[in-house]
Amino acid sequence: MKKADKPNVVINGNNNKVSIGGTNLLPIAIVAFALGALAIAVLAISLCCPELLADFVRWIVGIAVNS
């Protein structure tokens, strides 16, 4: 039996709302894109002006801690 042959029905507890579908891959894609962009930014800053790298990393950590 193929995966497409089995419907994926999720029943939530709020007034028994039924949603057809399953996992949503969009948040995973957003997180992967953000991590990739962050890695590229760190590499670019470390190559062009390494003296700013520590300030950039502190800024990123500050955003992560305060959010």
PDB file of N, CA and C in Angstrom:
ATOM      1  N   MET A   1       0.838  -1.169   0.000  1.00  0.00           N
ATOM      2  CA  MET A   1       0.000   0.000   0.000  1.00  0.00           C
ATOM      3  C   MET A   1       0.890   1.242   0.000  1.00  0.00           C
ATOM      4  N   LYS A   2       0.592   2.163  -0.894  1.00  0.00           N
ATOM      5  CA  LYS A   2       1.370   3.378  -1.003  1.00  0.00           C
ATOM      6  C   LYS A   2       0.935   4.376   0.060  1.00  0.00           C
ATOM      7  N   LYS A   3       1.837   5.309   0.366  1.00  0.00           N
ATOM      8  CA  LYS A   3       1.530   6.329   1.358  1.00  0.00           C
ATOM      9  C   LYS A   3       0.393   7.229   0.873  1.00  0.00           C
ATOM     10  N   ALA A   4       0.302   7.422  -0.435  1.00  0.00           N
ATOM     11  CA  ALA A   4      -0.761   8.263  -0.982  1.00  0.00           C
ATOM     12  C   ALA A   4      -2.128   7.612  -0.841  1.00  0.00           C
ATOM     13  N   ASP A   5      -2.186   6.303  -0.690  1.00  0.00           N
ATOM     14  CA  ASP A   5      -3.458   5.615  -0.546  1.00  0.00           C
ATOM     15  C   ASP A   5      -4.055   5.773   0.848  1.00  0.00           C
ATOM     16  N   LYS A   6      -3.233   6.111   1.837  1.00  0.00           N
ATOM     17  CA  LYS A   6      -3.717   6.263   3.205  1.00  0.00           C
ATOM     18  C   LYS A   6      -3.945   7.732   3.507  1.00  0.00           C
ATOM     19  N   PRO A   7      -5.176   8.139   3.760  1.00  0.00           N
ATOM     20  CA  PRO A   7      -5.401   9.544   4.102  1.00  0.00           C
ATOM     21  C   PRO A   7      -4.867   9.845   5.494  1.00  0.00           C
ATOM     22  N   ASN A   8      -4.351  11.038   5.665  1.00  0.00           N
ATOM     23  CA  ASN A   8      -3.806  11.453   6.943  1.00  0.00           C
ATOM     24  C   ASN A   8      -4.789  12.438   7.562  1.00  0.00           C
ATOM     25  N   VAL A   9      -5.503  12.012   8.596  1.00  0.00           N
ATOM     26  CA  VAL A   9      -6.503  12.844   9.238  1.00  0.00           C
ATOM     27  C   VAL A   9      -6.064  13.075  10.676  1.00  0.00           C
ATOM     28  N   VAL A  10      -6.033  14.338  11.071  1.00  0.00           N
ATOM     29  CA  VAL A  10      -5.644  14.707  12.422  1.00  0.00           C
ATOM     30  C   VAL A  10      -6.850  15.333  13.104  1.00  0.00           C
ATOM     31  N   ILE A  11      -7.226  14.816  14.280  1.00  0.00           N
ATOM     32  CA  ILE A  11      -8.355  15.364  15.023  1.00  0.00           C
ATOM     33  C   ILE A  11      -7.805  16.108  16.227  1.00  0.00           C
ATOM     34  N   ASN A  12      -8.066  17.411  16.261  1.00  0.00           N
ATOM     35  CA  ASN A  12      -7.592  18.240  17.357  1.00  0.00           C
ATOM     36  C   ASN A  12      -8.613  18.249  18.486  1.00  0.00           C
ATOM     37  N   GLY A  13      -8.183  18.624  19.699  1.00  0.00           N
ATOM     38  CA  GLY A  13      -9.069  18.640  20.856  1.00  0.00           C
ATOM     39  C   GLY A  13     -10.007  19.824  20.914  1.00  0.00           C
ATOM     40  N   ASN A  14      -9.746  20.916  20.202  1.00  0.00           N
ATOM     41  CA  ASN A  14     -10.604  22.094  20.235  1.00  0.00           C
ATOM     42  C   ASN A  14     -11.811  21.883  19.340  1.00  0.00           C
ATOM     43  N   ASN A  15     -12.943  21.608  19.923  1.00  0.00           N
ATOM     44  CA  ASN A  15     -14.209  21.411  19.204  1.00  0.00           C
ATOM     45  C   ASN A  15     -14.086  20.362  18.102  1.00  0.00           C
ATOM     46  N   ASN A  16     -13.189  19.422  18.300  1.00  0.00           N
ATOM     47  CA  ASN A  16     -12.980  18.316  17.365  1.00  0.00           C
ATOM     48  C   ASN A  16     -12.816  18.790  15.927  1.00  0.00           C
ATOM     49  N   LYS A  17     -11.948  19.769  15.731  1.00  0.00           N
ATOM     50  CA  LYS A  17     -11.651  20.247  14.379  1.00  0.00           C
ATOM     51  C   LYS A  17     -10.841  19.191  13.651  1.00  0.00           C
ATOM     52  N   VAL A  18     -11.214  18.923  12.426  1.00  0.00           N
ATOM     53  CA  VAL A  18     -10.528  17.919  11.627  1.00  0.00           C
ATOM     54  C   VAL A  18      -9.708  18.634  10.567  1.00  0.00           C
ATOM     55  N   SER A  19      -8.421  18.332  10.522  1.00  0.00           N
ATOM     56  CA  SER A  19      -7.566  18.893   9.488  1.00  0.00           C
ATOM     57  C   SER A  19      -6.979  17.742   8.683  1.00  0.00           C
ATOM     58  N   ILE A  20      -7.097  17.849   7.387  1.00  0.00           N
ATOM     59  CA  ILE A  20      -6.585  16.808   6.501  1.00  0.00           C
ATOM     60  C   ILE A  20      -5.219  17.262   6.028  1.00  0.00           C
ATOM     61  N   GLY A  21      -4.269  16.434   6.153  1.00  0.00           N
ATOM     62  CA  GLY A  21      -2.906  16.764   5.797  1.00  0.00           C
ATOM     63  C   GLY A  21      -1.994  16.055   6.769  1.00  0.00           C
ATOM     64  N   GLY A  22      -0.964  16.679   7.117  1.00  0.00           N
ATOM     65  CA  GLY A  22      -0.034  16.050   8.041  1.00  0.00           C
ATOM     66  C   GLY A  22       0.985  17.058   8.476  1.00  0.00           C
ATOM     67  N   THR A  23       2.193  16.659   8.375  1.00  0.00           N
ATOM     68  CA  THR A  23       3.262  17.549   8.796  1.00  0.00           C
ATOM     69  C   THR A  23       3.426  18.659   7.776  1.00  0.00           C
ATOM     70  N   ASN A  24       3.769  19.800   8.268  1.00  0.00           N
ATOM     71  CA  ASN A  24       4.016  20.948   7.406  1.00  0.00           C
ATOM     72  C   ASN A  24       5.518  21.159   7.340  1.00  0.00           C
ATOM     73  N   LEU A  25       6.089  21.091   6.163  1.00  0.00           N
ATOM     74  CA  LEU A  25       7.540  21.193   6.015  1.00  0.00           C
ATOM     75  C   LEU A  25       8.027  22.624   5.899  1.00  0.00           C
ATOM     76  N   LEU A  26       7.127  23.588   5.856  1.00  0.00           N
ATOM     77  CA  LEU A  26       7.544  24.974   5.704  1.00  0.00           C
ATOM     78  C   LEU A  26       8.388  25.461   6.873  1.00  0.00           C
ATOM     79  N   PRO A  27       8.012  25.231   8.143  1.00  0.00           N
ATOM     80  CA  PRO A  27       8.888  25.702   9.228  1.00  0.00           C
ATOM     81  C   PRO A  27      10.274  25.069   9.192  1.00  0.00           C
ATOM     82  N   ILE A  28      10.375  23.821   8.783  1.00  0.00           N
ATOM     83  CA  ILE A  28      11.670  23.166   8.687  1.00  0.00           C
ATOM     84  C   ILE A  28      12.516  23.847   7.618  1.00  0.00           C
ATOM     85  N   ALA A  29      11.892  24.202   6.512  1.00  0.00           N
ATOM     86  CA  ALA A  29      12.609  24.868   5.430  1.00  0.00           C
ATOM     87  C   ALA A  29      13.067  26.261   5.865  1.00  0.00           C
ATOM     88  N   ILE A  30      12.235  26.959   6.629  1.00  0.00           N
ATOM     89  CA  ILE A  30      12.606  28.296   7.095  1.00  0.00           C
ATOM     90  C   ILE A  30      13.796  28.224   8.040  1.00  0.00           C
ATOM     91  N   VAL A  31      13.776  27.260   8.949  1.00  0.00           N
ATOM     92  CA  VAL A  31      14.883  27.103   9.902  1.00  0.00           C
ATOM     93  C   VAL A  31      16.162  26.728   9.165  1.00  0.00           C
ATOM     94  N   ALA A  32      16.065  25.827   8.204  1.00  0.00           N
ATOM     95  CA  ALA A  32      17.244  25.426   7.439  1.00  0.00           C
ATOM     96  C   ALA A  32      17.807  26.605   6.651  1.00  0.00           C
ATOM     97  N   PHE A  33      16.935  27.399   6.054  1.00  0.00           N
ATOM     98  CA  PHE A  33      17.388  28.570   5.305  1.00  0.00           C
ATOM     99  C   PHE A  33      18.052  29.579   6.234  1.00  0.00           C
ATOM    100  N   ALA A  34      17.467  29.810   7.407  1.00  0.00           N
ATOM    101  CA  ALA A  34      18.028  30.779   8.354  1.00  0.00           C
ATOM    102  C   ALA A  34      19.400  30.333   8.840  1.00  0.00           C
ATOM    103  N   LEU A  35      19.551  29.055   9.135  1.00  0.00           N
ATOM    104  CA  LEU A  35      20.856  28.558   9.585  1.00  0.00           C
ATOM    105  C   LEU A  35      21.894  28.651   8.473  1.00  0.00           C
ATOM    106  N   GLY A  36      21.492  28.350   7.258  1.00  0.00           N
ATOM    107  CA  GLY A  36      22.409  28.469   6.129  1.00  0.00           C
ATOM    108  C   GLY A  36      22.822  29.914   5.890  1.00  0.00           C
ATOM    109  N   ALA A  37      21.858  30.827   5.966  1.00  0.00           N
ATOM    110  CA  ALA A  37      22.175  32.246   5.781  1.00  0.00           C
ATOM    111  C   ALA A  37      23.085  32.750   6.892  1.00  0.00           C
ATOM    112  N   LEU A  38      22.856  32.278   8.109  1.00  0.00           N
ATOM    113  CA  LEU A  38      23.707  32.673   9.230  1.00  0.00           C
ATOM    114  C   LEU A  38      25.136  32.159   9.043  1.00  0.00           C
ATOM    115  N   ALA A  39      25.273  30.930   8.587  1.00  0.00           N
ATOM    116  CA  ALA A  39      26.603  30.370   8.352  1.00  0.00           C
ATOM    117  C   ALA A  39      27.326  31.127   7.248  1.00  0.00           C
ATOM    118  N   ILE A  40      26.628  31.479   6.197  1.00  0.00           N
ATOM    119  CA  ILE A  40      27.233  32.240   5.106  1.00  0.00           C
ATOM    120  C   ILE A  40      27.644  33.629   5.583  1.00  0.00           C
ATOM    121  N   ALA A  41      26.810  34.246   6.421  1.00  0.00           N
ATOM    122  CA  ALA A  41      27.138  35.578   6.940  1.00  0.00           C
ATOM    123  C   ALA A  41      28.385  35.532   7.824  1.00  0.00           C
ATOM    124  N   VAL A  42      28.472  34.518   8.683  1.00  0.00           N
ATOM    125  CA  VAL A  42      29.640  34.397   9.558  1.00  0.00           C
ATOM    126  C   VAL A  42      30.903  34.180   8.731  1.00  0.00           C
ATOM    127  N   LEU A  43      30.816  33.330   7.719  1.00  0.00           N
ATOM    128  CA  LEU A  43      31.987  33.101   6.864  1.00  0.00           C
ATOM    129  C   LEU A  43      32.385  34.354   6.090  1.00  0.00           C
ATOM    130  N   ALA A  44      31.402  35.073   5.583  1.00  0.00           N
ATOM    131  CA  ALA A  44      31.707  36.284   4.823  1.00  0.00           C
ATOM    132  C   ALA A  44      32.343  37.344   5.712  1.00  0.00           C
ATOM    133  N   ILE A  45      31.812  37.513   6.922  1.00  0.00           N
ATOM    134  CA  ILE A  45      32.379  38.510   7.831  1.00  0.00           C
ATOM    135  C   ILE A  45      33.779  38.099   8.268  1.00  0.00           C
ATOM    136  N   SER A  46      33.983  36.800   8.507  1.00  0.00           N
ATOM    137  CA  SER A  46      35.307  36.364   8.945  1.00  0.00           C
ATOM    138  C   SER A  46      36.354  36.527   7.841  1.00  0.00           C
ATOM    139  N   LEU A  47      35.926  36.468   6.584  1.00  0.00           N
ATOM    140  CA  LEU A  47      36.876  36.656   5.485  1.00  0.00           C
ATOM    141  C   LEU A  47      37.161  38.122   5.204  1.00  0.00           C
ATOM    142  N   CYS A  48      36.116  38.955   5.203  1.00  0.00           N
ATOM    143  CA  CYS A  48      36.344  40.347   4.797  1.00  0.00           C
ATOM    144  C   CYS A  48      36.858  41.210   5.943  1.00  0.00           C
ATOM    145  N   CYS A  49      36.303  41.064   7.140  1.00  0.00           N
ATOM    146  CA  CYS A  49      36.776  41.881   8.268  1.00  0.00           C
ATOM    147  C   CYS A  49      36.697  41.065   9.554  1.00  0.00           C
ATOM    148  N   PRO A  50      37.739  40.315   9.843  1.00  0.00           N
ATOM    149  CA  PRO A  50      37.720  39.417  11.006  1.00  0.00           C
ATOM    150  C   PRO A  50      37.612  40.137  12.344  1.00  0.00           C
ATOM    151  N   GLU A  51      37.951  41.431  12.394  1.00  0.00           N
ATOM    152  CA  GLU A  51      37.844  42.137  13.665  1.00  0.00           C
ATOM    153  C   GLU A  51      36.388  42.382  14.069  1.00  0.00           C
ATOM    154  N   LEU A  52      35.467  42.317  13.110  1.00  0.00           N
ATOM    155  CA  LEU A  52      34.046  42.493  13.415  1.00  0.00           C
ATOM    156  C   LEU A  52      33.342  41.184  13.741  1.00  0.00           C
ATOM    157  N   LEU A  53      34.025  40.068  13.604  1.00  0.00           N
ATOM    158  CA  LEU A  53      33.393  38.763  13.802  1.00  0.00           C
ATOM    159  C   LEU A  53      32.885  38.595  15.230  1.00  0.00           C
ATOM    160  N   ALA A  54      33.671  38.994  16.218  1.00  0.00           N
ATOM    161  CA  ALA A  54      33.250  38.845  17.611  1.00  0.00           C
ATOM    162  C   ALA A  54      32.006  39.689  17.893  1.00  0.00           C
ATOM    163  N   ASP A  55      31.965  40.919  17.368  1.00  0.00           N
ATOM    164  CA  ASP A  55      30.785  41.764  17.568  1.00  0.00           C
ATOM    165  C   ASP A  55      29.553  41.170  16.892  1.00  0.00           C
ATOM    166  N   PHE A  56      29.731  40.598  15.717  1.00  0.00           N
ATOM    167  CA  PHE A  56      28.607  39.978  15.000  1.00  0.00           C
ATOM    168  C   PHE A  56      28.066  38.776  15.767  1.00  0.00           C
ATOM    169  N   VAL A  57      28.953  37.949  16.280  1.00  0.00           N
ATOM    170  CA  VAL A  57      28.522  36.768  17.038  1.00  0.00           C
ATOM    171  C   VAL A  57      27.823  37.203  18.321  1.00  0.00           C
ATOM    172  N   ARG A  58      28.325  38.225  18.998  1.00  0.00           N
ATOM    173  CA  ARG A  58      27.650  38.737  20.196  1.00  0.00           C
ATOM    174  C   ARG A  58      26.261  39.263  19.867  1.00  0.00           C
ATOM    175  N   TRP A  59      26.131  39.931  18.714  1.00  0.00           N
ATOM    176  CA  TRP A  59      24.826  40.452  18.281  1.00  0.00           C
ATOM    177  C   TRP A  59      23.844  39.314  18.035  1.00  0.00           C
ATOM    178  N   ILE A  60      24.291  38.245  17.345  1.00  0.00           N
ATOM    179  CA  ILE A  60      23.428  37.104  17.065  1.00  0.00           C
ATOM    180  C   ILE A  60      23.017  36.417  18.372  1.00  0.00           C
ATOM    181  N   VAL A  61      23.959  36.226  19.287  1.00  0.00           N
ATOM    182  CA  VAL A  61      23.645  35.596  20.568  1.00  0.00           C
ATOM    183  C   VAL A  61      22.681  36.467  21.365  1.00  0.00           C
ATOM    184  N   GLY A  62      22.868  37.774  21.331  1.00  0.00           N
ATOM    185  CA  GLY A  62      21.952  38.688  22.018  1.00  0.00           C
ATOM    186  C   GLY A  62      20.539  38.598  21.469  1.00  0.00           C
ATOM    187  N   ILE A  63      20.409  38.471  20.162  1.00  0.00           N
ATOM    188  CA  ILE A  63      19.078  38.313  19.559  1.00  0.00           C
ATOM    189  C   ILE A  63      18.454  36.991  19.988  1.00  0.00           C
ATOM    190  N   ALA A  64      19.245  35.940  20.004  1.00  0.00           N
ATOM    191  CA  ALA A  64      18.720  34.618  20.376  1.00  0.00           C
ATOM    192  C   ALA A  64      18.309  34.583  21.843  1.00  0.00           C
ATOM    193  N   VAL A  65      19.049  35.231  22.720  1.00  0.00           N
ATOM    194  CA  VAL A  65      18.745  35.192  24.155  1.00  0.00           C
ATOM    195  C   VAL A  65      17.541  36.071  24.474  1.00  0.00           C
ATOM    196  N   ASN A  66      17.413  37.205  23.817  1.00  0.00           N
ATOM    197  CA  ASN A  66      16.327  38.130  24.131  1.00  0.00           C
ATOM    198  C   ASN A  66      15.011  37.801  23.442  1.00  0.00           C
ATOM    199  N   SER A  67      14.983  36.831  22.565  1.00  0.00           N
ATOM    200  CA  SER A  67      13.738  36.538  21.854  1.00  0.00           C
ATOM    201  C   SER A  67      12.848  35.578  22.592  1.00  0.00           C
TER     202      SER A  67
END
